[in-house]
């Protein structure tokens, strides 16, 4: 909170090459969401090949990529972080 950045910017200030774009709904069970992403990462790692481990599969997720301290959704769909990602 003190830095005023998204979680993604905090842990990866230089950014990462994204493999998959995902989103979630605040009303869903977060534990189920995490389990779904984990199951997908295990399968995706095999599909990405070249000895990729499930921990190395990179996701863009709105909850972590959007700065929750300063929500900027853009004036149009084309200017939204979802479109720009």
C-alpha atoms as a PDB file:
ATOM      1  CA  UNK A   1       0.000   0.000   0.000  1.00  0.00           C
ATOM      2  CA  UNK A   2       2.826   2.397   0.830  1.00  0.00           C
ATOM      3  CA  UNK A   3       4.262   2.123  -2.683  1.00  0.00           C
ATOM      4  CA  UNK A   4       0.884   2.636  -4.376  1.00  0.00           C
ATOM      5  CA  UNK A   5       1.493   0.035  -7.099  1.00  0.00           C
ATOM      6  CA  UNK A   6      -0.198  -3.178  -8.136  1.00  0.00           C
ATOM      7  CA  UNK A   7       0.910  -6.472  -6.618  1.00  0.00           C
ATOM      8  CA  UNK A   8       2.362  -7.455 -10.002  1.00  0.00           C
ATOM      9  CA  UNK A   9       4.447  -4.275 -10.151  1.00  0.00           C
ATOM     10  CA  UNK A  10       5.621  -4.829  -6.581  1.00  0.00           C
ATOM     11  CA  UNK A  11       6.937  -8.360  -7.143  1.00  0.00           C
ATOM     12  CA  UNK A  12       8.036  -7.907 -10.786  1.00  0.00           C
ATOM     13  CA  UNK A  13       8.904  -4.225 -11.304  1.00  0.00           C
ATOM     14  CA  UNK A  14      10.414  -4.928 -14.734  1.00  0.00           C
ATOM     15  CA  UNK A  15       7.371  -6.896 -15.885  1.00  0.00           C
ATOM     16  CA  UNK A  16       7.202 -10.387 -17.358  1.00  0.00           C
ATOM     17  CA  UNK A  17       6.267 -11.932 -20.689  1.00  0.00           C
ATOM     18  CA  UNK A  18       2.717 -13.185 -20.163  1.00  0.00           C
ATOM     19  CA  UNK A  19       1.647 -16.673 -21.236  1.00  0.00           C
ATOM     20  CA  UNK A  20      -2.064 -16.439 -20.375  1.00  0.00           C
ATOM     21  CA  UNK A  21      -4.637 -13.715 -19.692  1.00  0.00           C
ATOM     22  CA  UNK A  22      -7.124 -14.551 -16.941  1.00  0.00           C
ATOM     23  CA  UNK A  23      -9.685 -12.682 -14.910  1.00  0.00           C
ATOM     24  CA  UNK A  24     -11.891 -13.459 -11.974  1.00  0.00           C
ATOM     25  CA  UNK A  25     -15.099 -12.294 -10.384  1.00  0.00           C
ATOM     26  CA  UNK A  26     -14.929 -10.882  -6.856  1.00  0.00           C
ATOM     27  CA  UNK A  27     -17.967 -12.984  -5.878  1.00  0.00           C
ATOM     28  CA  UNK A  28     -16.304 -16.299  -6.748  1.00  0.00           C
ATOM     29  CA  UNK A  29     -14.568 -18.481  -4.188  1.00  0.00           C
ATOM     30  CA  UNK A  30     -10.944 -17.353  -4.306  1.00  0.00           C
ATOM     31  CA  UNK A  31      -9.657 -20.776  -3.211  1.00  0.00           C
ATOM     32  CA  UNK A  32     -11.411 -22.410  -6.169  1.00  0.00           C
ATOM     33  CA  UNK A  33      -9.967 -19.764  -8.486  1.00  0.00           C
ATOM     34  CA  UNK A  34      -6.430 -20.453  -7.227  1.00  0.00           C
ATOM     35  CA  UNK A  35      -6.908 -24.220  -7.558  1.00  0.00           C
ATOM     36  CA  UNK A  36      -8.158 -23.771 -11.136  1.00  0.00           C
ATOM     37  CA  UNK A  37      -5.134 -21.664 -12.055  1.00  0.00           C
ATOM     38  CA  UNK A  38      -2.800 -24.197 -10.440  1.00  0.00           C
ATOM     39  CA  UNK A  39      -4.373 -27.092 -12.378  1.00  0.00           C
ATOM     40  CA  UNK A  40      -4.126 -25.080 -15.587  1.00  0.00           C
ATOM     41  CA  UNK A  41      -0.475 -24.170 -14.924  1.00  0.00           C
ATOM     42  CA  UNK A  42       0.451 -27.849 -14.496  1.00  0.00           C
ATOM     43  CA  UNK A  43      -1.110 -28.707 -17.868  1.00  0.00           C
ATOM     44  CA  UNK A  44       0.105 -25.523 -19.582  1.00  0.00           C
ATOM     45  CA  UNK A  45       3.719 -26.140 -18.526  1.00  0.00           C
ATOM     46  CA  UNK A  46       3.717 -29.408 -20.447  1.00  0.00           C
ATOM     47  CA  UNK A  47       2.125 -27.761 -23.474  1.00  0.00           C
ATOM     48  CA  UNK A  48       4.618 -24.855 -23.407  1.00  0.00           C
ATOM     49  CA  UNK A  49       7.413 -27.447 -23.505  1.00  0.00           C
ATOM     50  CA  UNK A  50      11.156 -26.912 -23.256  1.00  0.00           C
ATOM     51  CA  UNK A  51      11.310 -27.996 -19.607  1.00  0.00           C
ATOM     52  CA  UNK A  52       8.901 -25.274 -18.427  1.00  0.00           C
ATOM     53  CA  UNK A  53       7.846 -25.833 -14.829  1.00  0.00           C
ATOM     54  CA  UNK A  54       4.344 -25.002 -13.625  1.00  0.00           C
ATOM     55  CA  UNK A  55       5.787 -22.259 -11.380  1.00  0.00           C
ATOM     56  CA  UNK A  56       7.191 -20.522 -14.477  1.00  0.00           C
ATOM     57  CA  UNK A  57       3.863 -20.170 -16.312  1.00  0.00           C
ATOM     58  CA  UNK A  58       2.976 -16.442 -16.250  1.00  0.00           C
ATOM     59  CA  UNK A  59      -0.593 -15.181 -15.988  1.00  0.00           C
ATOM     60  CA  UNK A  60      -1.959 -11.660 -16.293  1.00  0.00           C
ATOM     61  CA  UNK A  61      -4.781 -11.440 -13.756  1.00  0.00           C
ATOM     62  CA  UNK A  62      -6.716  -8.220 -13.281  1.00  0.00           C
ATOM     63  CA  UNK A  63      -6.850  -8.530  -9.484  1.00  0.00           C
ATOM     64  CA  UNK A  64      -3.059  -8.506  -9.286  1.00  0.00           C
ATOM     65  CA  UNK A  65      -2.106  -6.501 -12.386  1.00  0.00           C
ATOM     66  CA  UNK A  66      -4.476  -3.553 -11.922  1.00  0.00           C
ATOM     67  CA  UNK A  67      -3.379  -1.052  -9.299  1.00  0.00           C
ATOM     68  CA  UNK A  68      -6.082  -1.500  -6.656  1.00  0.00           C
ATOM     69  CA  UNK A  69      -4.963   1.759  -4.983  1.00  0.00           C
ATOM     70  CA  UNK A  70      -5.768   3.789  -8.098  1.00  0.00           C
ATOM     71  CA  UNK A  71      -8.206   2.062 -10.440  1.00  0.00           C
ATOM     72  CA  UNK A  72      -7.929   3.370 -13.993  1.00  0.00           C
ATOM     73  CA  UNK A  73     -10.169   1.458 -16.367  1.00  0.00           C
ATOM     74  CA  UNK A  74      -9.750   3.814 -19.322  1.00  0.00           C
ATOM     75  CA  UNK A  75     -12.237   6.021 -21.098  1.00  0.00           C
ATOM     76  CA  UNK A  76     -12.942   3.409 -23.776  1.00  0.00           C
ATOM     77  CA  UNK A  77     -12.593  -0.348 -24.050  1.00  0.00           C
ATOM     78  CA  UNK A  78      -9.474   0.159 -26.184  1.00  0.00           C
ATOM     79  CA  UNK A  79      -7.880   2.203 -23.381  1.00  0.00           C
ATOM     80  CA  UNK A  80      -8.748  -0.282 -20.633  1.00  0.00           C
ATOM     81  CA  UNK A  81      -6.022  -2.394 -18.989  1.00  0.00           C
ATOM     82  CA  UNK A  82      -7.902  -5.515 -20.116  1.00  0.00           C
ATOM     83  CA  UNK A  83      -7.624  -4.527 -23.775  1.00  0.00           C
ATOM     84  CA  UNK A  84      -4.063  -3.227 -23.484  1.00  0.00           C
ATOM     85  CA  UNK A  85      -2.839  -6.426 -21.811  1.00  0.00           C
END
